[in-house]
Amino acid sequence: MASNSIASNGTILRDARTRYTTGQREEGGAHGAFDAELRRHGRTPLTEVSVSRAAAAPADVAEFLGVEGEVVVRSREMFDGDRVVQLATTYIPVDVAEAAGIEQVDTGVGGIISRMKEAGFDQGDTATEDIELRRATPDEVSRLGLAEGDSVLTINHIGRTSEGRVVEVTQHVLGTGWKLRFAVPLA
């Protein structure tokens, strides 16, 4: 099975082919894919999390979620040691967050995807991720330690149940030092 890896220069390979599998998210008691990826290679992951409710999600996110009004927002700064390598903001419908018990900072082994699965919101076997390269905002420059004018990769992750309901939209912002790997069907 493919696995995420970290090169000797610190480049993090984010292998989308396997990162969301239960086994990899929960490996060694990890609290999600990022935690497992770094620990697997002897790194020191740290995630600073804040959880809140917002009156509404951004318009594009609300459209994916199919909700108007209040959503649960999980904002994270993700570190490799003392270096911030990723910013991630997840938007979740309130009914899903309440049923899965994911409005606290620590969501336990496997993270929110495992809690959603236990609550009957299994994301099935496919997620959609849209990737864009864009200029970093001044806030991202500061938080990710970038130079003014640098670009960031963004990943818009859309998690759906097998019935097609969108139960999370996560917007990842990656600084330097990332490589993304995907697999696509050829037939």
C-alpha atoms as a PDB file:
ATOM      1  CA  MET A   1       0.000   0.000   0.000  1.00  0.00           C
ATOM      2  CA  ALA A   2       1.279   3.452  -0.861  1.00  0.00           C
ATOM      3  CA  SER A   3       2.314   5.642   2.013  1.00  0.00           C
ATOM      4  CA  ASN A   4       3.080   9.241   2.688  1.00  0.00           C
ATOM      5  CA  SER A   5       6.715  10.057   3.239  1.00  0.00           C
ATOM      6  CA  ILE A   6       9.052  12.837   4.227  1.00  0.00           C
ATOM      7  CA  ALA A   7      12.299  13.348   2.368  1.00  0.00           C
ATOM      8  CA  SER A   8      15.564  14.118   4.157  1.00  0.00           C
ATOM      9  CA  ASN A   9      15.156  17.774   3.137  1.00  0.00           C
ATOM     10  CA  GLY A  10      11.783  17.891   4.935  1.00  0.00           C
ATOM     11  CA  THR A  11       9.577  17.744   1.841  1.00  0.00           C
ATOM     12  CA  ILE A  12       6.269  16.142   2.818  1.00  0.00           C
ATOM     13  CA  LEU A  13       4.771  13.794   0.234  1.00  0.00           C
ATOM     14  CA  ARG A  14       0.993  13.924   0.652  1.00  0.00           C
ATOM     15  CA  ASP A  15      -0.174  10.707  -0.968  1.00  0.00           C
ATOM     16  CA  ALA A  16      -3.887  11.163  -1.605  1.00  0.00           C
ATOM     17  CA  ARG A  17      -4.205   7.546  -2.720  1.00  0.00           C
ATOM     18  CA  THR A  18      -4.135   6.305   0.877  1.00  0.00           C
ATOM     19  CA  ARG A  19      -4.064   9.161   3.390  1.00  0.00           C
ATOM     20  CA  TYR A  20      -7.768   8.975   4.196  1.00  0.00           C
ATOM     21  CA  THR A  21      -7.952   5.232   4.835  1.00  0.00           C
ATOM     22  CA  THR A  22      -8.946   4.321   8.380  1.00  0.00           C
ATOM     23  CA  GLY A  23      -5.762   2.309   8.904  1.00  0.00           C
ATOM     24  CA  GLN A  24      -3.502   5.213   7.988  1.00  0.00           C
ATOM     25  CA  ARG A  25      -5.546   7.899   9.827  1.00  0.00           C
ATOM     26  CA  GLU A  26      -5.522   5.846  13.022  1.00  0.00           C
ATOM     27  CA  GLU A  27      -2.046   4.283  12.713  1.00  0.00           C
ATOM     28  CA  GLY A  28      -0.279   4.112  16.073  1.00  0.00           C
ATOM     29  CA  GLY A  29      -3.060   6.077  17.788  1.00  0.00           C
ATOM     30  CA  ALA A  30      -2.696   9.059  15.439  1.00  0.00           C
ATOM     31  CA  HIS A  31      -5.370  11.737  15.549  1.00  0.00           C
ATOM     32  CA  GLY A  32      -5.734  11.993  11.777  1.00  0.00           C
ATOM     33  CA  ALA A  33      -3.803  11.699   8.534  1.00  0.00           C
ATOM     34  CA  PHE A  34      -1.348  14.555   9.124  1.00  0.00           C
ATOM     35  CA  ASP A  35      -0.420  13.268  12.586  1.00  0.00           C
ATOM     36  CA  ALA A  36       0.140   9.748  11.223  1.00  0.00           C
ATOM     37  CA  GLU A  37       2.156  10.957   8.220  1.00  0.00           C
ATOM     38  CA  LEU A  38       4.676  12.856  10.300  1.00  0.00           C
ATOM     39  CA  ARG A  39       4.940  10.327  13.121  1.00  0.00           C
ATOM     40  CA  ARG A  40       5.547   7.518  10.631  1.00  0.00           C
ATOM     41  CA  HIS A  41       8.806   9.229   9.698  1.00  0.00           C
ATOM     42  CA  GLY A  42       9.984  10.167  13.167  1.00  0.00           C
ATOM     43  CA  ARG A  43       8.854  13.781  12.883  1.00  0.00           C
ATOM     44  CA  THR A  44       7.106  15.769  15.578  1.00  0.00           C
ATOM     45  CA  PRO A  45       3.618  16.789  14.467  1.00  0.00           C
ATOM     46  CA  LEU A  46       1.768  19.460  16.384  1.00  0.00           C
ATOM     47  CA  THR A  47      -1.609  20.896  15.548  1.00  0.00           C
ATOM     48  CA  GLU A  48      -3.078  23.986  17.150  1.00  0.00           C
ATOM     49  CA  VAL A  49      -6.855  23.766  16.838  1.00  0.00           C
ATOM     50  CA  SER A  50      -9.693  26.190  17.421  1.00  0.00           C
ATOM     51  CA  VAL A  51     -13.332  25.206  17.084  1.00  0.00           C
ATOM     52  CA  SER A  52     -16.231  27.613  16.738  1.00  0.00           C
ATOM     53  CA  ARG A  53     -19.565  28.126  15.084  1.00  0.00           C
ATOM     54  CA  ALA A  54     -19.957  30.642  12.295  1.00  0.00           C
ATOM     55  CA  ALA A  55     -23.211  32.278  11.220  1.00  0.00           C
ATOM     56  CA  ALA A  56     -22.486  31.058   7.692  1.00  0.00           C
ATOM     57  CA  ALA A  57     -19.783  29.389   5.617  1.00  0.00           C
ATOM     58  CA  PRO A  58     -18.155  31.225   2.705  1.00  0.00           C
ATOM     59  CA  ALA A  59     -20.522  31.131  -0.291  1.00  0.00           C
ATOM     60  CA  ASP A  60     -18.582  28.468  -2.236  1.00  0.00           C
ATOM     61  CA  VAL A  61     -18.363  26.215   0.831  1.00  0.00           C
ATOM     62  CA  ALA A  62     -22.038  26.714   1.725  1.00  0.00           C
ATOM     63  CA  GLU A  63     -22.956  25.670  -1.808  1.00  0.00           C
ATOM     64  CA  PHE A  64     -20.957  22.424  -1.491  1.00  0.00           C
ATOM     65  CA  LEU A  65     -22.400  21.716   1.968  1.00  0.00           C
ATOM     66  CA  GLY A  66     -25.923  22.531   0.826  1.00  0.00           C
ATOM     67  CA  VAL A  67     -26.535  24.589   3.965  1.00  0.00           C
ATOM     68  CA  GLU A  68     -27.596  28.113   4.672  1.00  0.00           C
ATOM     69  CA  GLY A  69     -26.806  29.430   8.082  1.00  0.00           C
ATOM     70  CA  GLU A  70     -24.680  28.187  10.940  1.00  0.00           C
ATOM     71  CA  VAL A  71     -21.749  25.778  10.470  1.00  0.00           C
ATOM     72  CA  VAL A  72     -19.054  24.371  12.707  1.00  0.00           C
ATOM     73  CA  VAL A  73     -15.553  25.620  11.829  1.00  0.00           C
ATOM     74  CA  ARG A  74     -12.358  23.791  12.806  1.00  0.00           C
ATOM     75  CA  SER A  75      -9.280  25.954  12.140  1.00  0.00           C
ATOM     76  CA  ARG A  76      -5.824  24.417  12.425  1.00  0.00           C
ATOM     77  CA  GLU A  77      -2.188  25.462  12.234  1.00  0.00           C
ATOM     78  CA  MET A  78      -0.204  22.315  11.537  1.00  0.00           C
ATOM     79  CA  PHE A  79       3.460  22.072  12.451  1.00  0.00           C
ATOM     80  CA  ASP A  80       6.397  19.830  11.605  1.00  0.00           C
ATOM     81  CA  GLY A  81       8.366  20.449  14.785  1.00  0.00           C
ATOM     82  CA  ASP A  82       8.401  24.220  15.207  1.00  0.00           C
ATOM     83  CA  ARG A  83       7.698  25.009  11.527  1.00  0.00           C
ATOM     84  CA  VAL A  84       4.129  25.751  10.399  1.00  0.00           C
ATOM     85  CA  VAL A  85       3.670  23.743   7.198  1.00  0.00           C
ATOM     86  CA  GLN A  86      -0.083  23.885   6.672  1.00  0.00           C
ATOM     87  CA  LEU A  87      -3.166  25.894   7.533  1.00  0.00           C
ATOM     88  CA  ALA A  88      -6.459  24.028   7.364  1.00  0.00           C
ATOM     89  CA  THR A  89     -10.024  25.178   7.906  1.00  0.00           C
ATOM     90  CA  THR A  90     -12.853  22.650   7.950  1.00  0.00           C
ATOM     91  CA  TYR A  91     -16.531  23.519   7.621  1.00  0.00           C
ATOM     92  CA  ILE A  92     -19.088  20.988   8.871  1.00  0.00           C
ATOM     93  CA  PRO A  93     -22.899  21.069   8.952  1.00  0.00           C
ATOM     94  CA  VAL A  94     -24.048  21.554  12.562  1.00  0.00           C
ATOM     95  CA  ASP A  95     -26.154  18.362  12.619  1.00  0.00           C
ATOM     96  CA  VAL A  96     -23.164  16.279  11.495  1.00  0.00           C
ATOM     97  CA  ALA A  97     -20.795  17.903  14.013  1.00  0.00           C
ATOM     98  CA  GLU A  98     -23.256  17.396  16.866  1.00  0.00           C
ATOM     99  CA  ALA A  99     -23.976  13.755  15.963  1.00  0.00           C
ATOM    100  CA  ALA A 100     -20.249  12.986  15.600  1.00  0.00           C
ATOM    101  CA  GLY A 101     -19.231  14.895  18.752  1.00  0.00           C
ATOM    102  CA  ILE A 102     -16.519  16.876  16.959  1.00  0.00           C
ATOM    103  CA  GLU A 103     -16.937  20.345  18.425  1.00  0.00           C
ATOM    104  CA  GLN A 104     -14.104  19.811  20.889  1.00  0.00           C
ATOM    105  CA  VAL A 105     -10.437  20.412  20.093  1.00  0.00           C
ATOM    106  CA  ASP A 106      -9.303  16.782  20.512  1.00  0.00           C
ATOM    107  CA  THR A 107     -11.443  14.450  18.430  1.00  0.00           C
ATOM    108  CA  GLY A 108      -9.445  11.331  19.325  1.00  0.00           C
ATOM    109  CA  VAL A 109      -7.803   8.599  17.302  1.00  0.00           C
ATOM    110  CA  GLY A 110      -8.428   8.999  13.575  1.00  0.00           C
ATOM    111  CA  GLY A 111      -9.759  12.553  13.915  1.00  0.00           C
ATOM    112  CA  ILE A 112     -13.063  13.879  12.633  1.00  0.00           C
ATOM    113  CA  ILE A 113     -13.373  11.431   9.743  1.00  0.00           C
ATOM    114  CA  SER A 114     -13.340   8.506  12.195  1.00  0.00           C
ATOM    115  CA  ARG A 115     -15.883  10.234  14.471  1.00  0.00           C
ATOM    116  CA  MET A 116     -18.144  10.934  11.485  1.00  0.00           C
ATOM    117  CA  LYS A 117     -17.918   7.295  10.398  1.00  0.00           C
ATOM    118  CA  GLU A 118     -18.911   6.122  13.899  1.00  0.00           C
ATOM    119  CA  ALA A 119     -21.923   8.488  13.788  1.00  0.00           C
ATOM    120  CA  GLY A 120     -23.143   7.081  10.451  1.00  0.00           C
ATOM    121  CA  PHE A 121     -21.555   9.670   8.161  1.00  0.00           C
ATOM    122  CA  ASP A 122     -18.943   7.410   6.559  1.00  0.00           C
ATOM    123  CA  GLN A 123     -17.273   9.282   3.730  1.00  0.00           C
ATOM    124  CA  GLY A 124     -17.208   6.176   1.592  1.00  0.00           C
ATOM    125  CA  ASP A 125     -14.383   5.458  -0.779  1.00  0.00           C
ATOM    126  CA  THR A 126     -13.984   8.712  -2.713  1.00  0.00           C
ATOM    127  CA  ALA A 127     -13.202  12.333  -1.876  1.00  0.00           C
ATOM    128  CA  THR A 128     -12.857  15.228  -4.274  1.00  0.00           C
ATOM    129  CA  GLU A 129      -9.880  17.562  -4.012  1.00  0.00           C
ATOM    130  CA  ASP A 130      -9.483  20.696  -6.104  1.00  0.00           C
ATOM    131  CA  ILE A 131      -5.942  22.092  -6.146  1.00  0.00           C
ATOM    132  CA  GLU A 132      -4.940  25.637  -7.027  1.00  0.00           C
ATOM    133  CA  LEU A 133      -1.756  27.658  -6.987  1.00  0.00           C
ATOM    134  CA  ARG A 134      -2.234  31.272  -5.935  1.00  0.00           C
ATOM    135  CA  ARG A 135      -0.412  34.170  -4.292  1.00  0.00           C
ATOM    136  CA  ALA A 136      -0.254  33.928  -0.521  1.00  0.00           C
ATOM    137  CA  THR A 137      -2.254  36.464   1.441  1.00  0.00           C
ATOM    138  CA  PRO A 138      -0.345  38.708   3.878  1.00  0.00           C
ATOM    139  CA  ASP A 139      -1.693  36.584   6.758  1.00  0.00           C
ATOM    140  CA  GLU A 140      -0.494  33.363   5.095  1.00  0.00           C
ATOM    141  CA  VAL A 141       2.926  34.916   4.397  1.00  0.00           C
ATOM    142  CA  SER A 142       3.258  35.719   8.089  1.00  0.00           C
ATOM    143  CA  ARG A 143       1.919  32.435   9.466  1.00  0.00           C
ATOM    144  CA  LEU A 144       3.755  30.140   7.013  1.00  0.00           C
ATOM    145  CA  GLY A 145       7.046  32.072   7.064  1.00  0.00           C
ATOM    146  CA  LEU A 146       6.912  32.913   3.355  1.00  0.00           C
ATOM    147  CA  ALA A 147       8.315  35.862   1.438  1.00  0.00           C
ATOM    148  CA  GLU A 148       5.974  38.521   0.120  1.00  0.00           C
ATOM    149  CA  GLY A 149       4.847  37.511  -3.365  1.00  0.00           C
ATOM    150  CA  ASP A 150       5.289  33.757  -2.715  1.00  0.00           C
ATOM    151  CA  SER A 151       2.627  31.339  -3.841  1.00  0.00           C
ATOM    152  CA  VAL A 152       0.766  28.682  -1.891  1.00  0.00           C
ATOM    153  CA  LEU A 153      -0.947  25.500  -2.954  1.00  0.00           C
ATOM    154  CA  THR A 154      -4.534  25.216  -1.833  1.00  0.00           C
ATOM    155  CA  ILE A 155      -6.475  21.981  -1.617  1.00  0.00           C
ATOM    156  CA  ASN A 156     -10.239  22.172  -1.354  1.00  0.00           C
ATOM    157  CA  HIS A 157     -11.205  18.752   0.074  1.00  0.00           C
ATOM    158  CA  ILE A 158     -14.862  17.755  -0.257  1.00  0.00           C
ATOM    159  CA  GLY A 159     -15.920  14.726   1.788  1.00  0.00           C
ATOM    160  CA  ARG A 160     -19.179  12.987   0.831  1.00  0.00           C
ATOM    161  CA  THR A 161     -21.062  10.030   2.222  1.00  0.00           C
ATOM    162  CA  SER A 162     -21.776   7.135  -0.135  1.00  0.00           C
ATOM    163  CA  GLU A 163     -25.283   8.633  -0.470  1.00  0.00           C
ATOM    164  CA  GLY A 164     -23.715  11.845  -1.818  1.00  0.00           C
ATOM    165  CA  ARG A 165     -24.204  14.150   1.152  1.00  0.00           C
ATOM    166  CA  VAL A 166     -21.284  16.548   1.668  1.00  0.00           C
ATOM    167  CA  VAL A 167     -20.319  16.315   5.359  1.00  0.00           C
ATOM    168  CA  GLU A 168     -17.133  18.381   5.318  1.00  0.00           C
ATOM    169  CA  VAL A 169     -15.258  20.877   3.220  1.00  0.00           C
ATOM    170  CA  THR A 170     -11.661  21.437   4.250  1.00  0.00           C
ATOM    171  CA  GLN A 171      -9.556  24.194   2.777  1.00  0.00           C
ATOM    172  CA  HIS A 172      -5.840  23.363   3.112  1.00  0.00           C
ATOM    173  CA  VAL A 173      -3.181  26.004   2.503  1.00  0.00           C
ATOM    174  CA  LEU A 174       0.304  24.548   1.986  1.00  0.00           C
ATOM    175  CA  GLY A 175       3.518  26.514   2.223  1.00  0.00           C
ATOM    176  CA  THR A 176       6.788  25.406   0.688  1.00  0.00           C
ATOM    177  CA  GLY A 177       8.023  21.839   1.011  1.00  0.00           C
ATOM    178  CA  TRP A 178       5.079  19.800  -0.245  1.00  0.00           C
ATOM    179  CA  LYS A 179       4.683  17.261  -3.028  1.00  0.00           C
ATOM    180  CA  LEU A 180       1.241  15.916  -3.926  1.00  0.00           C
ATOM    181  CA  ARG A 181       0.577  12.449  -5.342  1.00  0.00           C
ATOM    182  CA  PHE A 182      -2.689  11.256  -6.869  1.00  0.00           C
ATOM    183  CA  ALA A 183      -3.835   8.261  -8.883  1.00  0.00           C
ATOM    184  CA  VAL A 184      -6.375   8.471 -11.679  1.00  0.00           C
ATOM    185  CA  PRO A 185      -8.198   5.714 -13.528  1.00  0.00           C
ATOM    186  CA  LEU A 186      -6.990   5.193 -17.094  1.00  0.00           C
ATOM    187  CA  ALA A 187      -9.937   3.176 -18.371  1.00  0.00           C
END
